[in-house]
Protein backbone atom coordinates (compact mmCIF):
# COMPACT_ATOMS: atom_id res chain seq x y z
CA MET A 1 -0.11 0.53 0.29
CA PHE A 2 3.22 2.24 1.02
CA ASP A 3 4.50 1.75 -2.46
CA ALA A 4 0.85 3.21 -4.72
CA ILE A 5 0.84 5.90 -2.81
CA CYS A 6 3.91 6.70 -2.85
CA LYS A 7 3.93 5.98 -6.65
CA TYR A 8 0.68 8.35 -6.99
CA LEU A 9 1.95 11.02 -5.09
CA VAL A 10 5.04 11.24 -7.57
CA GLU A 11 2.28 11.01 -10.43
CA ALA A 12 0.26 13.84 -9.34
CA PHE A 13 3.70 16.06 -7.92
CA SER A 14 6.66 15.34 -10.05
CA ALA A 15 7.80 18.24 -10.55
CA ASP A 16 7.81 19.41 -6.50
CA ILE A 17 9.11 15.77 -5.82
CA ALA A 18 11.55 16.54 -8.60
CA GLN A 19 12.27 20.65 -7.02
CA TRP A 20 12.30 19.06 -3.25
CA LEU A 21 14.29 16.05 -4.43
CA LEU A 22 16.62 18.26 -5.77
CA GLY A 23 17.22 21.63 -4.23
CA GLU A 24 16.07 23.77 -6.69
CA ALA A 25 13.07 23.31 -9.85
CA VAL A 26 13.36 21.80 -12.90
CA SER A 27 11.45 21.44 -15.77
CA LEU A 28 10.65 17.14 -16.63
CA SER A 29 9.03 15.08 -19.31
CA GLU A 30 7.16 11.90 -18.90
CA LEU A 31 9.70 8.39 -19.44
CA SER A 32 6.27 6.08 -21.26
CA PRO A 33 5.81 3.75 -19.36
CA SER A 34 7.66 3.38 -16.61
CA GLU A 35 8.25 0.19 -17.09
CA LEU A 36 12.46 -0.84 -17.71
CA LEU A 37 13.00 -3.09 -20.02
CA LEU A 38 15.84 -5.46 -20.32
CA GLU A 39 16.99 -6.81 -23.48
CA PRO A 40 18.65 -10.21 -23.48
CA ILE A 41 22.45 -10.24 -23.44
CA ARG A 42 24.83 -12.56 -23.84
CA ALA A 43 28.39 -12.50 -21.27
CA ASP A 44 31.35 -13.98 -23.31
CA ALA A 45 32.39 -15.94 -20.07
CA LEU A 46 31.50 -16.37 -17.33
CA LEU A 47 33.43 -18.89 -14.16
CA LEU A 48 33.31 -19.34 -10.82
CA GLN A 49 35.41 -20.07 -7.97
CA SER A 50 35.79 -21.73 -5.18
CA GLY A 51 35.25 -18.96 -2.96
CA GLY A 52 32.33 -17.44 -4.49
CA ARG A 53 34.60 -15.20 -6.56
CA LEU A 54 33.01 -14.68 -10.57
CA LEU A 55 35.38 -14.04 -13.39
CA HIS A 56 33.82 -12.00 -16.59
CA VAL A 57 35.16 -11.80 -19.61
CA GLU A 58 34.40 -10.06 -22.78
CA PHE A 59 36.09 -10.00 -25.78
CA GLN A 60 36.65 -6.57 -28.01
CA THR A 61 38.06 -6.89 -31.90
CA GLN A 62 37.47 -3.58 -31.73
CA PRO A 63 36.91 0.04 -29.59
CA ASP A 64 34.04 0.53 -28.14
CA PRO A 65 32.94 3.84 -26.31
CA THR A 66 30.25 1.90 -24.88
CA ILE A 67 31.54 -1.14 -23.31
CA ARG A 68 31.83 0.31 -19.91
CA LEU A 69 27.74 1.23 -19.42
CA ARG A 70 27.82 -2.37 -20.74
CA MET A 71 29.79 -3.97 -18.45
CA LEU A 72 28.61 -1.86 -15.25
CA ASP A 73 24.82 -3.64 -17.23
CA TYR A 74 26.40 -6.57 -17.34
CA TRP A 75 27.71 -6.43 -13.63
CA VAL A 76 24.14 -5.15 -12.10
CA ARG A 77 22.44 -8.35 -13.64
CA LEU A 78 24.69 -10.67 -12.49
CA ARG A 79 25.29 -8.69 -9.09
CA ARG A 80 20.96 -9.79 -9.18
CA ARG A 81 21.48 -13.36 -10.40
CA ILE A 82 24.20 -14.14 -8.13
CA PRO A 83 24.13 -13.29 -4.69
CA PHE A 84 28.42 -13.21 -3.76
């Protein structure tokens, strides 16, 4: 119930809440739908070591400016799936 009330408040008073949290008035645009869909991605290699350590290996043949964000995405997904 608390979650539903908070969602209603942020929908009804989004500019006020953003100003309260950020400390200044901002113009907002709505992200719709608010559901964040995950595209399927596959790691090149995932190795689970004894002791619960995980080694993630990605091979690149060309420089990729998006690799940092992709690695963060991998890490978050792995962290949710395997509580290491």
